[in-house]
C-alpha atoms as a PDB file:
ATOM      1  CA  MET A   1      -0.013  26.518   2.940  1.00  0.00           C
ATOM      2  CA  PRO A   2       3.619  27.398   3.737  1.00  0.00           C
ATOM      3  CA  LEU A   3       6.163  24.830   4.826  1.00  0.00           C
ATOM      4  CA  HIS A   4       5.830  23.647   8.403  1.00  0.00           C
ATOM      5  CA  PRO A   5       8.206  25.772  10.540  1.00  0.00           C
ATOM      6  CA  PHE A   6      10.206  22.754  11.695  1.00  0.00           C
ATOM      7  CA  ILE A   7      10.798  21.593   8.123  1.00  0.00           C
ATOM      8  CA  GLU A   8      11.614  25.117   6.954  1.00  0.00           C
ATOM      9  CA  THR A   9      14.254  25.406   9.694  1.00  0.00           C
ATOM     10  CA  MET A  10      15.593  21.932   8.999  1.00  0.00           C
ATOM     11  CA  LEU A  11      16.016  22.642   5.285  1.00  0.00           C
ATOM     12  CA  ALA A  12      17.729  25.954   6.029  1.00  0.00           C
ATOM     13  CA  GLN A  13      20.154  24.246   8.414  1.00  0.00           C
ATOM     14  CA  LEU A  14      20.963  21.522   5.894  1.00  0.00           C
ATOM     15  CA  ALA A  15      21.577  24.122   3.197  1.00  0.00           C
ATOM     16  CA  ALA A  16      23.815  26.169   5.507  1.00  0.00           C
ATOM     17  CA  ALA A  17      25.785  23.042   6.382  1.00  0.00           C
ATOM     18  CA  GLY A  18      26.327  22.327   2.707  1.00  0.00           C
ATOM     19  CA  ARG A  19      24.813  18.872   2.872  1.00  0.00           C
ATOM     20  CA  PRO A  20      24.987  17.430  -0.648  1.00  0.00           C
ATOM     21  CA  PRO A  21      21.930  15.910  -2.314  1.00  0.00           C
ATOM     22  CA  VAL A  22      21.581  12.145  -2.337  1.00  0.00           C
ATOM     23  CA  SER A  23      22.223  12.068  -6.068  1.00  0.00           C
ATOM     24  CA  ALA A  24      25.639  13.713  -5.638  1.00  0.00           C
ATOM     25  CA  GLY A  25      27.131  10.705  -3.918  1.00  0.00           C
ATOM     26  CA  THR A  26      27.322   6.946  -3.960  1.00  0.00           C
ATOM     27  CA  PRO A  27      24.699   4.540  -2.620  1.00  0.00           C
ATOM     28  CA  GLU A  28      26.995   3.797   0.326  1.00  0.00           C
ATOM     29  CA  GLN A  29      27.217   7.496   1.182  1.00  0.00           C
ATOM     30  CA  ALA A  30      23.447   7.891   0.875  1.00  0.00           C
ATOM     31  CA  ARG A  31      22.866   4.921   3.188  1.00  0.00           C
ATOM     32  CA  ALA A  32      25.250   6.408   5.725  1.00  0.00           C
ATOM     33  CA  LEU A  33      23.321   9.706   5.671  1.00  0.00           C
ATOM     34  CA  VAL A  34      20.047   7.912   6.350  1.00  0.00           C
ATOM     35  CA  SER A  35      21.496   5.885   9.211  1.00  0.00           C
ATOM     36  CA  ALA A  36      23.259   8.905  10.704  1.00  0.00           C
ATOM     37  CA  ALA A  37      19.927  10.713  11.008  1.00  0.00           C
ATOM     38  CA  ARG A  38      18.506   8.144  13.431  1.00  0.00           C
ATOM     39  CA  PRO A  39      19.611   9.814  16.706  1.00  0.00           C
ATOM     40  CA  ALA A  40      18.224  13.196  15.653  1.00  0.00           C
ATOM     41  CA  LEU A  41      14.910  11.688  14.555  1.00  0.00           C
ATOM     42  CA  GLY A  42      14.452   9.965  17.902  1.00  0.00           C
ATOM     43  CA  GLU A  43      12.967   6.695  19.006  1.00  0.00           C
ATOM     44  CA  GLY A  44       9.491   5.328  18.590  1.00  0.00           C
ATOM     45  CA  PRO A  45       7.038   4.521  21.386  1.00  0.00           C
ATOM     46  CA  GLU A  46       7.232   1.420  23.511  1.00  0.00           C
ATOM     47  CA  VAL A  47       5.586  -1.643  22.014  1.00  0.00           C
ATOM     48  CA  GLY A  48       4.999  -5.160  23.286  1.00  0.00           C
ATOM     49  CA  SER A  49       8.080  -6.742  21.721  1.00  0.00           C
ATOM     50  CA  VAL A  50      10.566  -6.451  18.886  1.00  0.00           C
ATOM     51  CA  ALA A  51      12.367  -9.503  17.530  1.00  0.00           C
ATOM     52  CA  ARG A  52      14.639 -10.100  14.575  1.00  0.00           C
ATOM     53  CA  ILE A  53      13.682 -13.106  12.486  1.00  0.00           C
ATOM     54  CA  ASP A  54      14.791 -14.690   9.222  1.00  0.00           C
ATOM     55  CA  VAL A  55      12.267 -14.764   6.402  1.00  0.00           C
ATOM     56  CA  PRO A  56      12.689 -17.361   3.639  1.00  0.00           C
ATOM     57  CA  THR A  57      12.795 -16.074   0.054  1.00  0.00           C
ATOM     58  CA  ARG A  58      13.395 -17.581  -3.364  1.00  0.00           C
ATOM     59  CA  ALA A  59      16.965 -16.228  -3.194  1.00  0.00           C
ATOM     60  CA  GLY A  60      17.652 -17.580   0.287  1.00  0.00           C
ATOM     61  CA  SER A  61      16.423 -15.432   3.164  1.00  0.00           C
ATOM     62  CA  VAL A  62      16.227 -11.862   4.427  1.00  0.00           C
ATOM     63  CA  SER A  63      16.271 -10.498   7.931  1.00  0.00           C
ATOM     64  CA  ALA A  64      13.180  -8.769   9.289  1.00  0.00           C
ATOM     65  CA  LEU A  65      11.919  -7.122  12.434  1.00  0.00           C
ATOM     66  CA  LEU A  66       8.709  -8.479  13.912  1.00  0.00           C
ATOM     67  CA  LEU A  67       7.040  -5.945  16.177  1.00  0.00           C
ATOM     68  CA  LYS A  68       4.053  -6.808  18.343  1.00  0.00           C
ATOM     69  CA  PRO A  69       1.705  -4.496  20.225  1.00  0.00           C
ATOM     70  CA  LYS A  70       1.172  -4.595  23.976  1.00  0.00           C
ATOM     71  CA  THR A  71      -2.286  -6.066  23.470  1.00  0.00           C
ATOM     72  CA  GLU A  72      -3.492  -8.920  21.274  1.00  0.00           C
ATOM     73  CA  PRO A  73      -2.906  -7.863  17.657  1.00  0.00           C
ATOM     74  CA  VAL A  74      -5.915  -6.886  15.556  1.00  0.00           C
ATOM     75  CA  GLY A  75      -4.035  -7.669  12.351  1.00  0.00           C
ATOM     76  CA  LEU A  76      -0.673  -8.371  10.774  1.00  0.00           C
ATOM     77  CA  LEU A  77       0.843  -5.597   8.675  1.00  0.00           C
ATOM     78  CA  VAL A  78       3.655  -6.184   6.215  1.00  0.00           C
ATOM     79  CA  TYR A  79       5.444  -2.818   6.086  1.00  0.00           C
ATOM     80  CA  LEU A  80       7.971  -2.076   3.327  1.00  0.00           C
ATOM     81  CA  HIS A  81      10.328   0.794   4.085  1.00  0.00           C
ATOM     82  CA  GLY A  82      11.189   3.675   1.786  1.00  0.00           C
ATOM     83  CA  GLY A  83      14.541   4.740   0.397  1.00  0.00           C
ATOM     84  CA  GLY A  84      14.294   4.722  -3.380  1.00  0.00           C
ATOM     85  CA  TRP A  85      14.992   0.973  -3.541  1.00  0.00           C
ATOM     86  CA  VAL A  86      18.632   1.937  -2.766  1.00  0.00           C
ATOM     87  CA  VAL A  87      18.860   3.144   0.846  1.00  0.00           C
ATOM     88  CA  GLY A  88      17.204   2.403   4.171  1.00  0.00           C
ATOM     89  CA  SER A  89      16.962  -0.592   6.447  1.00  0.00           C
ATOM     90  CA  ALA A  90      14.623  -2.080   8.999  1.00  0.00           C
ATOM     91  CA  ASP A  91      16.732  -0.450  11.719  1.00  0.00           C
ATOM     92  CA  ASP A  92      16.346   2.963  10.067  1.00  0.00           C
ATOM     93  CA  PHE A  93      12.557   2.583  10.012  1.00  0.00           C
ATOM     94  CA  GLU A  94      12.020   0.830  13.346  1.00  0.00           C
ATOM     95  CA  ALA A  95      10.967   4.047  15.097  1.00  0.00           C
ATOM     96  CA  LEU A  96       8.311   4.691  12.434  1.00  0.00           C
ATOM     97  CA  ALA A  97       7.178   1.067  12.629  1.00  0.00           C
ATOM     98  CA  ARG A  98       6.759   1.437  16.389  1.00  0.00           C
ATOM     99  CA  VAL A  99       4.387   4.369  15.855  1.00  0.00           C
ATOM    100  CA  VAL A 100       2.318   2.324  13.414  1.00  0.00           C
ATOM    101  CA  VAL A 101       2.164  -0.626  15.834  1.00  0.00           C
ATOM    102  CA  ALA A 102       1.247   1.553  18.811  1.00  0.00           C
ATOM    103  CA  GLU A 103      -1.445   3.434  16.877  1.00  0.00           C
ATOM    104  CA  SER A 104      -2.915   0.453  15.015  1.00  0.00           C
ATOM    105  CA  GLY A 105      -2.668  -2.400  17.488  1.00  0.00           C
ATOM    106  CA  CYS A 106      -1.323  -4.556  14.659  1.00  0.00           C
ATOM    107  CA  ALA A 107       1.728  -6.775  14.648  1.00  0.00           C
ATOM    108  CA  LEU A 108       4.150  -5.579  11.973  1.00  0.00           C
ATOM    109  CA  LEU A 109       6.693  -7.385   9.805  1.00  0.00           C
ATOM    110  CA  LEU A 110       9.443  -5.059   8.540  1.00  0.00           C
ATOM    111  CA  PRO A 111      11.702  -6.921   6.088  1.00  0.00           C
ATOM    112  CA  ASP A 112      15.207  -5.911   5.014  1.00  0.00           C
ATOM    113  CA  TYR A 113      14.646  -6.520   1.311  1.00  0.00           C
ATOM    114  CA  ARG A 114      17.739  -6.411  -0.881  1.00  0.00           C
ATOM    115  CA  LEU A 115      18.789  -3.012  -2.188  1.00  0.00           C
ATOM    116  CA  ALA A 116      19.950  -1.782  -5.586  1.00  0.00           C
ATOM    117  CA  PRO A 117      22.322  -1.332  -7.327  1.00  0.00           C
ATOM    118  CA  GLU A 118      24.002  -4.390  -5.808  1.00  0.00           C
ATOM    119  CA  HIS A 119      20.683  -6.203  -6.203  1.00  0.00           C
ATOM    120  CA  PRO A 120      18.773  -4.468  -9.012  1.00  0.00           C
ATOM    121  CA  PHE A 121      15.135  -4.933  -9.993  1.00  0.00           C
ATOM    122  CA  PRO A 122      13.409  -7.284  -9.429  1.00  0.00           C
ATOM    123  CA  ALA A 123      15.427  -8.473  -6.391  1.00  0.00           C
ATOM    124  CA  GLY A 124      13.866  -6.105  -3.838  1.00  0.00           C
ATOM    125  CA  LEU A 125      10.407  -6.695  -5.261  1.00  0.00           C
ATOM    126  CA  GLU A 126      10.822 -10.466  -5.120  1.00  0.00           C
ATOM    127  CA  ASP A 127      12.051 -10.282  -1.519  1.00  0.00           C
ATOM    128  CA  SER A 128       9.050  -8.109  -0.632  1.00  0.00           C
ATOM    129  CA  GLU A 129       6.680 -10.513  -2.349  1.00  0.00           C
ATOM    130  CA  ASP A 130       8.239 -13.531  -0.658  1.00  0.00           C
ATOM    131  CA  ALA A 131       8.162 -11.867   2.767  1.00  0.00           C
ATOM    132  CA  THR A 132       4.483 -11.129   2.214  1.00  0.00           C
ATOM    133  CA  LEU A 133       3.768 -14.715   1.185  1.00  0.00           C
ATOM    134  CA  PHE A 134       5.622 -15.873   4.297  1.00  0.00           C
ATOM    135  CA  ALA A 135       3.470 -13.614   6.459  1.00  0.00           C
ATOM    136  CA  ALA A 136       0.281 -14.731   4.731  1.00  0.00           C
ATOM    137  CA  SER A 137       1.119 -18.388   5.208  1.00  0.00           C
ATOM    138  CA  ASP A 138       2.071 -18.067   8.865  1.00  0.00           C
ATOM    139  CA  VAL A 139      -0.142 -15.370  10.394  1.00  0.00           C
ATOM    140  CA  SER A 140      -1.225 -17.469  13.363  1.00  0.00           C
ATOM    141  CA  ALA A 141       2.345 -18.431  14.194  1.00  0.00           C
ATOM    142  CA  LEU A 142       3.565 -14.837  13.926  1.00  0.00           C
ATOM    143  CA  CYS A 143       0.670 -13.284  15.846  1.00  0.00           C
ATOM    144  CA  GLY A 144      -0.438 -16.081  18.144  1.00  0.00           C
ATOM    145  CA  LYS A 145      -3.879 -16.153  16.552  1.00  0.00           C
ATOM    146  CA  ALA A 146      -5.618 -15.785  13.190  1.00  0.00           C
ATOM    147  CA  VAL A 147      -5.877 -12.119  12.192  1.00  0.00           C
ATOM    148  CA  PRO A 148      -6.424 -10.212   8.927  1.00  0.00           C
ATOM    149  CA  LEU A 149      -3.450  -9.252   6.765  1.00  0.00           C
ATOM    150  CA  ALA A 150      -2.602  -5.748   5.539  1.00  0.00           C
ATOM    151  CA  ILE A 151       0.255  -4.274   3.530  1.00  0.00           C
ATOM    152  CA  ALA A 152       1.763  -0.781   3.592  1.00  0.00           C
ATOM    153  CA  GLY A 153       4.883   1.252   2.938  1.00  0.00           C
ATOM    154  CA  ASP A 154       6.285   4.685   2.272  1.00  0.00           C
ATOM    155  CA  SER A 155       7.842   6.060  -0.925  1.00  0.00           C
ATOM    156  CA  ALA A 156       9.618   3.201  -2.749  1.00  0.00           C
ATOM    157  CA  GLY A 157       8.247   0.921  -0.034  1.00  0.00           C
ATOM    158  CA  ALA A 158       4.720   2.031  -0.937  1.00  0.00           C
ATOM    159  CA  ASN A 159       5.635   1.295  -4.554  1.00  0.00           C
ATOM    160  CA  LEU A 160       6.687  -2.222  -3.574  1.00  0.00           C
ATOM    161  CA  ALA A 161       3.585  -2.673  -1.416  1.00  0.00           C
ATOM    162  CA  THR A 162       1.090  -1.860  -4.147  1.00  0.00           C
ATOM    163  CA  VAL A 163       3.005  -3.860  -6.763  1.00  0.00           C
ATOM    164  CA  VAL A 164       3.096  -6.864  -4.413  1.00  0.00           C
ATOM    165  CA  ALA A 165      -0.644  -6.464  -3.789  1.00  0.00           C
ATOM    166  CA  ARG A 166      -1.271  -6.524  -7.544  1.00  0.00           C
ATOM    167  CA  ARG A 167       1.070  -9.455  -8.206  1.00  0.00           C
ATOM    168  CA  LEU A 168      -0.608 -11.456  -5.434  1.00  0.00           C
ATOM    169  CA  ARG A 169      -4.144 -10.476  -6.459  1.00  0.00           C
ATOM    170  CA  GLY A 170      -6.370 -13.529  -6.174  1.00  0.00           C
ATOM    171  CA  ARG A 171      -3.782 -15.430  -4.108  1.00  0.00           C
ATOM    172  CA  VAL A 172      -3.508 -13.365  -0.917  1.00  0.00           C
ATOM    173  CA  GLU A 173      -6.314 -11.392   0.680  1.00  0.00           C
ATOM    174  CA  PHE A 174      -5.309  -7.997   2.066  1.00  0.00           C
ATOM    175  CA  CYS A 175      -7.867  -5.967   3.974  1.00  0.00           C
ATOM    176  CA  ILE A 176      -6.128  -2.683   3.071  1.00  0.00           C
ATOM    177  CA  GLN A 177      -3.043  -1.183   1.455  1.00  0.00           C
ATOM    178  CA  GLY A 178      -1.523   1.889   3.099  1.00  0.00           C
ATOM    179  CA  LEU A 179       0.564   4.037   0.747  1.00  0.00           C
ATOM    180  CA  ILE A 180       2.523   7.036   2.032  1.00  0.00           C
ATOM    181  CA  TYR A 181       3.803   9.265  -0.814  1.00  0.00           C
ATOM    182  CA  PRO A 182       4.162   6.286  -3.182  1.00  0.00           C
ATOM    183  CA  VAL A 183       6.486   6.137  -6.173  1.00  0.00           C
ATOM    184  CA  ALA A 184       3.917   5.410  -8.884  1.00  0.00           C
ATOM    185  CA  ASP A 185       5.412   6.429 -12.224  1.00  0.00           C
ATOM    186  CA  CYS A 186       8.582   7.275 -14.119  1.00  0.00           C
ATOM    187  CA  ASP A 187       7.354  10.544 -15.670  1.00  0.00           C
ATOM    188  CA  PHE A 188       9.778  13.179 -14.387  1.00  0.00           C
ATOM    189  CA  GLU A 189       7.999  15.989 -16.246  1.00  0.00           C
ATOM    190  CA  ARG A 190       4.902  16.206 -14.062  1.00  0.00           C
ATOM    191  CA  SER A 191       4.129  19.590 -12.539  1.00  0.00           C
ATOM    192  CA  SER A 192       5.193  18.543  -9.057  1.00  0.00           C
ATOM    193  CA  TYR A 193       8.584  17.465 -10.435  1.00  0.00           C
ATOM    194  CA  ARG A 194       9.036  20.842 -12.121  1.00  0.00           C
ATOM    195  CA  ASP A 195       7.716  22.997  -9.280  1.00  0.00           C
ATOM    196  CA  LEU A 196       8.690  21.168  -6.065  1.00  0.00           C
ATOM    197  CA  SER A 197      12.263  20.032  -6.652  1.00  0.00           C
ATOM    198  CA  ASP A 198      14.602  22.892  -5.770  1.00  0.00           C
ATOM    199  CA  GLY A 199      15.589  23.005  -2.123  1.00  0.00           C
ATOM    200  CA  MET A 200      13.415  20.059  -1.137  1.00  0.00           C
ATOM    201  CA  PRO A 201      14.601  16.876   0.633  1.00  0.00           C
ATOM    202  CA  LEU A 202      13.848  14.871  -2.511  1.00  0.00           C
ATOM    203  CA  SER A 203      14.597  16.401  -5.910  1.00  0.00           C
ATOM    204  CA  ARG A 204      13.954  15.440  -9.508  1.00  0.00           C
ATOM    205  CA  ALA A 205      17.644  14.580  -9.883  1.00  0.00           C
ATOM    206  CA  ASP A 206      17.462  12.365  -6.795  1.00  0.00           C
ATOM    207  CA  MET A 207      14.521  10.408  -8.190  1.00  0.00           C
ATOM    208  CA  ILE A 208      16.243   9.882 -11.538  1.00  0.00           C
ATOM    209  CA  TRP A 209      19.305   8.675  -9.584  1.00  0.00           C
ATOM    210  CA  PHE A 210      17.160   6.209  -7.635  1.00  0.00           C
ATOM    211  CA  PHE A 211      15.427   4.894 -10.754  1.00  0.00           C
ATOM    212  CA  ASP A 212      18.705   4.494 -12.624  1.00  0.00           C
ATOM    213  CA  HIS A 213      20.216   2.506  -9.770  1.00  0.00           C
ATOM    214  CA  TYR A 214      17.117   0.324  -9.519  1.00  0.00           C
ATOM    215  CA  ALA A 215      16.696  -0.665 -13.152  1.00  0.00           C
ATOM    216  CA  PRO A 216      17.830   0.135 -16.716  1.00  0.00           C
ATOM    217  CA  ARG A 217      15.948   3.063 -18.228  1.00  0.00           C
ATOM    218  CA  GLU A 218      14.226   0.852 -20.765  1.00  0.00           C
ATOM    219  CA  ARG A 219      12.554  -0.942 -17.830  1.00  0.00           C
ATOM    220  CA  HIS A 220      11.322   2.127 -15.948  1.00  0.00           C
ATOM    221  CA  ALA A 221       7.851   2.008 -17.518  1.00  0.00           C
ATOM    222  CA  ASP A 222       7.346  -1.629 -16.479  1.00  0.00           C
ATOM    223  CA  PRO A 223       4.163  -1.725 -14.345  1.00  0.00           C
ATOM    224  CA  ASP A 224       6.156  -3.566 -11.674  1.00  0.00           C
ATOM    225  CA  ILE A 225       8.258  -0.386 -11.375  1.00  0.00           C
ATOM    226  CA  SER A 226       5.668   2.226 -12.400  1.00  0.00           C
ATOM    227  CA  PRO A 227       2.360   0.825 -11.099  1.00  0.00           C
ATOM    228  CA  LEU A 228       0.352   3.719 -12.524  1.00  0.00           C
ATOM    229  CA  ARG A 229       1.012   2.101 -15.906  1.00  0.00           C
ATOM    230  CA  ALA A 230      -0.576  -1.235 -14.983  1.00  0.00           C
ATOM    231  CA  ALA A 231      -3.271  -2.269 -17.440  1.00  0.00           C
ATOM    232  CA  ASP A 232      -5.712  -3.407 -14.752  1.00  0.00           C
ATOM    233  CA  LEU A 233      -5.948  -2.173 -11.166  1.00  0.00           C
ATOM    234  CA  ALA A 234      -9.349  -3.709 -10.458  1.00  0.00           C
ATOM    235  CA  GLY A 235      -9.654  -6.004  -7.494  1.00  0.00           C
ATOM    236  CA  LEU A 236      -6.810  -4.470  -5.494  1.00  0.00           C
ATOM    237  CA  PRO A 237      -7.273  -3.947  -1.741  1.00  0.00           C
ATOM    238  CA  PRO A 238      -8.929  -0.773  -0.469  1.00  0.00           C
ATOM    239  CA  ALA A 239      -6.281   1.939  -0.342  1.00  0.00           C
ATOM    240  CA  HIS A 240      -5.358   4.664   2.123  1.00  0.00           C
ATOM    241  CA  VAL A 241      -3.114   7.019   0.136  1.00  0.00           C
ATOM    242  CA  VAL A 242      -1.179   9.880   1.736  1.00  0.00           C
ATOM    243  CA  THR A 243       0.640  12.554  -0.272  1.00  0.00           C
ATOM    244  CA  ALA A 244       2.600  15.659   0.749  1.00  0.00           C
ATOM    245  CA  GLN A 245       2.058  19.183  -0.534  1.00  0.00           C
ATOM    246  CA  TYR A 246       5.765  19.850  -1.186  1.00  0.00           C
ATOM    247  CA  ASP A 247       6.798  16.575  -2.789  1.00  0.00           C
ATOM    248  CA  VAL A 248       7.960  15.818  -6.319  1.00  0.00           C
ATOM    249  CA  LEU A 249       5.955  12.563  -6.040  1.00  0.00           C
ATOM    250  CA  ARG A 250       2.730  14.353  -5.113  1.00  0.00           C
ATOM    251  CA  ASP A 251       1.114  14.391  -8.543  1.00  0.00           C
ATOM    252  CA  GLU A 252       1.819  10.767  -9.405  1.00  0.00           C
ATOM    253  CA  GLY A 253       0.652   9.596  -5.990  1.00  0.00           C
ATOM    254  CA  GLU A 254      -2.603  11.458  -6.450  1.00  0.00           C
ATOM    255  CA  ALA A 255      -2.924  10.183 -10.024  1.00  0.00           C
ATOM    256  CA  TYR A 256      -2.469   6.649  -8.705  1.00  0.00           C
ATOM    257  CA  ALA A 257      -5.152   7.169  -6.053  1.00  0.00           C
ATOM    258  CA  ALA A 258      -7.482   8.400  -8.808  1.00  0.00           C
ATOM    259  CA  ALA A 259      -6.612   5.432 -11.041  1.00  0.00           C
ATOM    260  CA  LEU A 260      -7.383   3.001  -8.224  1.00  0.00           C
ATOM    261  CA  ALA A 261     -10.718   4.704  -7.628  1.00  0.00           C
ATOM    262  CA  ALA A 262     -11.519   4.627 -11.351  1.00  0.00           C
ATOM    263  CA  ALA A 263     -10.856   0.874 -11.284  1.00  0.00           C
ATOM    264  CA  GLY A 264     -13.445   0.427  -8.535  1.00  0.00           C
ATOM    265  CA  VAL A 265     -11.023   0.224  -5.610  1.00  0.00           C
ATOM    266  CA  PRO A 266     -12.261   2.009  -2.456  1.00  0.00           C
ATOM    267  CA  VAL A 267      -9.770   4.835  -1.865  1.00  0.00           C
ATOM    268  CA  THR A 268      -9.206   7.349   0.881  1.00  0.00           C
ATOM    269  CA  HIS A 269      -6.717  10.063  -0.074  1.00  0.00           C
ATOM    270  CA  ARG A 270      -5.163  12.615   2.234  1.00  0.00           C
ATOM    271  CA  ARG A 271      -2.835  15.400   1.063  1.00  0.00           C
ATOM    272  CA  ILE A 272      -0.861  16.686   4.045  1.00  0.00           C
ATOM    273  CA  ASP A 273      -0.293  20.420   3.692  1.00  0.00           C
ATOM    274  CA  GLY A 274       2.970  22.059   4.662  1.00  0.00           C
ATOM    275  CA  LEU A 275       4.999  18.857   4.522  1.00  0.00           C
ATOM    276  CA  THR A 276       7.660  17.445   2.212  1.00  0.00           C
ATOM    277  CA  HIS A 277       8.669  13.993   1.080  1.00  0.00           C
ATOM    278  CA  GLY A 278      10.017  11.916   3.952  1.00  0.00           C
ATOM    279  CA  PHE A 279       7.814  13.499   6.599  1.00  0.00           C
ATOM    280  CA  ALA A 280       6.785  10.143   8.087  1.00  0.00           C
ATOM    281  CA  ARG A 281      10.149   9.747   9.846  1.00  0.00           C
ATOM    282  CA  LEU A 282       9.660  13.198  11.428  1.00  0.00           C
ATOM    283  CA  HIS A 283       6.819  11.903  13.593  1.00  0.00           C
ATOM    284  CA  ASN A 284       8.628  12.935  16.797  1.00  0.00           C
ATOM    285  CA  HIS A 285       9.091  16.535  15.657  1.00  0.00           C
ATOM    286  CA  VAL A 286       6.166  17.530  13.419  1.00  0.00           C
ATOM    287  CA  ASP A 287       2.636  17.283  14.753  1.00  0.00           C
ATOM    288  CA  THR A 288       0.997  16.926  11.355  1.00  0.00           C
ATOM    289  CA  ALA A 289       3.481  14.209  10.370  1.00  0.00           C
ATOM    290  CA  HIS A 290       2.589  12.173  13.435  1.00  0.00           C
ATOM    291  CA  ALA A 291      -1.100  12.753  12.784  1.00  0.00           C
ATOM    292  CA  ALA A 292      -0.771  11.537   9.195  1.00  0.00           C
ATOM    293  CA  VAL A 293       1.048   8.361  10.231  1.00  0.00           C
ATOM    294  CA  ALA A 294      -1.455   7.771  13.025  1.00  0.00           C
ATOM    295  CA  GLY A 295      -4.302   8.357  10.592  1.00  0.00           C
ATOM    296  CA  MET A 296      -3.015   5.629   8.303  1.00  0.00           C
ATOM    297  CA  ALA A 297      -2.504   3.314  11.279  1.00  0.00           C
ATOM    298  CA  HIS A 298      -6.070   3.926  12.449  1.00  0.00           C
ATOM    299  CA  ALA A 299      -7.383   3.194   8.938  1.00  0.00           C
ATOM    300  CA  ILE A 300      -5.442  -0.083   8.926  1.00  0.00           C
ATOM    301  CA  ALA A 301      -6.816  -1.009  12.353  1.00  0.00           C
ATOM    302  CA  ALA A 302     -10.378  -0.261  11.237  1.00  0.00           C
ATOM    303  CA  ALA A 303      -9.942  -2.367   8.103  1.00  0.00           C
ATOM    304  CA  CYS A 304      -8.520  -5.251  10.126  1.00  0.00           C
ATOM    305  CA  ARG A 305     -11.400  -5.137  12.591  1.00  0.00           C
ATOM    306  CA  ALA A 306     -13.932  -5.023   9.763  1.00  0.00           C
ATOM    307  CA  ALA A 307     -12.268  -7.972   8.039  1.00  0.00           C
ATOM    308  CA  ALA A 308     -12.224  -9.940  11.287  1.00  0.00           C
ATOM    309  CA  SER A 309     -15.933  -9.300  11.777  1.00  0.00           C
ATOM    310  CA  ARG A 310     -16.541 -10.675   8.270  1.00  0.00           C
ATOM    311  CA  GLY A 311     -14.582 -13.771   9.145  1.00  0.00           C
ATOM    312  CA  SER A 312     -11.587 -12.897   6.928  1.00  0.00           C
ATOM    313  CA  ALA A 313      -8.882 -13.512   9.532  1.00  0.00           C
ATOM    314  CA  ARG A 314      -6.152 -15.819   8.345  1.00  0.00           C
END
């Protein structure tokens, strides 16, 4: 399927404007590009409330947004934002979080985990883990009642989400993990890296840049960075995995979905045709992007309701 017309036009406009790739600049410049895109991407739907809270961590604390739906929440979702472990903030992803809240009926905790290279691996992972433990220990206080817990993220945030789920296996019960185009491996020679890099929003060079800022190269194959390389994926939460047709991460995301299934984890996988990496933040402009985000949100809601009916609310 060809590129969605909106994305094709967007990429052509960026190329004509001479916008440099992320990997051509500094982390500060990349963060500024992400933040500057907010007005053009638009706002998310109205939700019940949005509050900024402090979340305790082993290194001190991180700020987070706590979003609540207009109705009583059916679950609590810890959502970890994308950005290659280097860029992005809760503010940059609030509009996307609002869509997930509105479509799922869940409350959502969106932490501002520390970013590399100022805070290299495992700082962001530890913040994500600690924010999740905070949510798990205080669901009733955060939501006003006991509800099931879920975890999700996009790109590097999906990487953090599934690694946190594995590290907390046996300690925290998640009813589902939602993974949108997850970073799952450090193999930059996969077919999607070779064939889907040039002219795309995320290139092979960009991903190498992100990895190198996150951790030394000798650590890239660590399962806490490349979860596809984990020795044992059994017992992880059911997974809803979304990949994009025109994404360098497509093949590893689909390989990770297959590895989860081979380990006995219930998996639903959706490849979204015509879209590129980063499509989730285009929910206001691309119908299939909104549908994919809503589809994950609906899967999370269904898992939360099923868990509640089994008596698994926290």
